[in-house]
Amino acid sequence: MIDGYEKAANEVVPAARVVIAKQLKERYNLTEANIARILGVAQAAVSKYLNDEYSAVVDNASKKIDAATIDAHIGAIAKGSKPALKSCICSICNSMNSFGCKFSYVEGSVQGR
């Protein structure tokens, strides 16, 4: 059985990156290199995100992401704000999981330490 943290790492976080990458490209016309820098992933990963080359599990998870969560953070993320990115991903993960994460990122500090 997959625990919540494993699901978050293998499904939710990659799905969040897909949706965020697509929004950064569509709304801000950022390059793959800039998106990769913001997300902290390789440019090849961003290329796959933008070209819908990811697993069915990630695709399914990305369809469950609330657009309002992305909208609330995307401007700051586009400017390269790491706290905004972490907060957005944690908000998405918490909305999709109920495993009681002890590492939720809230307003610049990690909870549960």
Protein backbone atom coordinates (compact mmCIF):
# COMPACT_ATOMS: atom_id res chain seq x y z
CA MET A 1 0.00 0.00 0.00
CA ILE A 2 1.28 3.46 -0.91
CA ASP A 3 1.47 5.91 2.00
CA GLY A 4 0.55 9.58 1.70
CA TYR A 5 4.10 10.85 1.40
CA GLU A 6 4.88 8.41 -1.40
CA LYS A 7 1.71 9.42 -3.23
CA ALA A 8 2.64 13.08 -2.80
CA ALA A 9 6.16 12.51 -4.15
CA ASN A 10 5.15 10.28 -7.06
CA GLU A 11 1.83 11.80 -8.11
CA VAL A 12 0.85 15.11 -6.58
CA VAL A 13 4.11 17.07 -6.77
CA PRO A 14 4.80 16.07 -10.39
CA ALA A 15 1.18 16.88 -11.29
CA ALA A 16 1.48 20.29 -9.62
CA ARG A 17 4.68 20.97 -11.57
CA VAL A 18 2.89 20.06 -14.83
CA VAL A 19 0.04 22.47 -14.17
CA ILE A 20 2.33 25.25 -12.93
CA ALA A 21 4.69 24.83 -15.92
CA LYS A 22 1.78 25.05 -18.36
CA GLN A 23 0.45 28.18 -16.63
CA LEU A 24 3.88 29.82 -16.66
CA LYS A 25 4.15 29.15 -20.39
CA GLU A 26 0.59 30.19 -21.27
CA ARG A 27 0.27 33.27 -19.06
CA TYR A 28 3.83 34.58 -19.01
CA ASN A 29 5.33 33.02 -22.15
CA LEU A 30 8.40 31.95 -20.20
CA THR A 31 11.02 29.79 -21.86
CA GLU A 32 11.51 26.16 -20.86
CA ALA A 33 14.83 27.14 -19.32
CA ASN A 34 13.21 29.82 -17.14
CA ILE A 35 10.39 27.49 -16.10
CA ALA A 36 12.95 24.80 -15.23
CA ARG A 37 14.90 27.27 -13.09
CA ILE A 38 11.74 28.36 -11.25
CA LEU A 39 10.54 24.80 -10.64
CA GLY A 40 13.98 23.45 -9.79
CA VAL A 41 13.84 20.72 -12.43
CA ALA A 42 15.71 19.93 -15.64
CA GLN A 43 14.69 21.65 -18.87
CA ALA A 44 13.96 18.19 -20.31
CA ALA A 45 11.35 17.67 -17.59
CA VAL A 46 9.66 20.96 -18.49
CA SER A 47 9.64 19.92 -22.15
CA LYS A 48 7.84 16.73 -21.17
CA TYR A 49 5.37 18.65 -19.02
CA LEU A 50 4.54 21.07 -21.83
CA ASN A 51 4.24 18.30 -24.42
CA ASP A 52 2.03 16.06 -22.27
CA GLU A 53 4.71 13.36 -21.99
CA TYR A 54 4.14 12.08 -18.47
CA SER A 55 2.51 9.10 -16.85
CA ALA A 56 -1.21 8.44 -16.73
CA VAL A 57 -1.00 8.63 -12.92
CA VAL A 58 0.39 12.17 -13.09
CA ASP A 59 -2.15 13.08 -15.78
CA ASN A 60 -5.00 11.86 -13.59
CA ALA A 61 -3.68 13.78 -10.57
CA SER A 62 -3.20 16.97 -12.60
CA LYS A 63 -6.88 16.92 -13.57
CA LYS A 64 -7.83 17.07 -9.86
CA ILE A 65 -5.86 20.23 -9.12
CA ASP A 66 -7.97 23.24 -8.20
CA ALA A 67 -7.22 26.08 -10.63
CA ALA A 68 -7.88 28.70 -7.94
CA THR A 69 -4.90 27.40 -5.94
CA ILE A 70 -2.61 27.95 -8.91
CA ASP A 71 -4.18 31.36 -9.63
CA ALA A 72 -3.50 32.52 -6.09
CA HIS A 73 0.25 31.90 -6.45
CA ILE A 74 1.18 32.01 -10.14
CA GLY A 75 2.20 35.68 -10.27
CA ALA A 76 4.71 35.30 -7.47
CA ILE A 77 5.90 31.97 -8.87
CA ALA A 78 6.51 33.61 -12.26
CA LYS A 79 8.77 36.13 -10.49
CA GLY A 80 10.81 33.24 -9.08
CA SER A 81 9.45 33.23 -5.53
CA LYS A 82 10.47 29.90 -3.97
CA PRO A 83 8.19 30.43 -0.94
CA ALA A 84 5.22 30.97 -3.28
CA LEU A 85 6.08 27.81 -5.22
CA LYS A 86 6.43 25.73 -2.05
CA SER A 87 3.25 27.15 -0.58
CA CYS A 88 1.35 26.45 -3.81
CA ILE A 89 2.57 22.86 -4.04
CA CYS A 90 1.77 22.25 -0.37
CA SER A 91 -1.70 23.74 -0.79
CA ILE A 92 -2.33 21.46 -3.77
CA CYS A 93 -0.99 18.42 -1.95
CA ASN A 94 -3.01 19.13 1.19
CA SER A 95 -6.18 19.54 -0.87
CA MET A 96 -5.62 16.17 -2.55
CA ASN A 97 -4.42 14.15 0.45
CA SER A 98 -5.63 13.65 3.96
CA PHE A 99 -2.59 11.97 5.48
CA GLY A 100 -1.78 14.77 7.89
CA CYS A 101 1.47 16.02 6.42
CA LYS A 102 3.85 17.26 9.07
CA PHE A 103 5.96 19.23 6.61
CA SER A 104 3.38 21.66 5.24
CA TYR A 105 4.97 24.85 3.99
CA VAL A 106 3.10 27.84 5.37
CA GLU A 107 4.13 31.49 5.03
CA GLY A 108 7.84 30.94 4.78
CA SER A 109 8.29 28.29 7.46
CA VAL A 110 8.01 24.55 7.44
CA GLN A 111 5.48 23.29 9.97
CA GLY A 112 6.16 20.20 12.03
CA ARG A 113 9.85 20.65 12.65
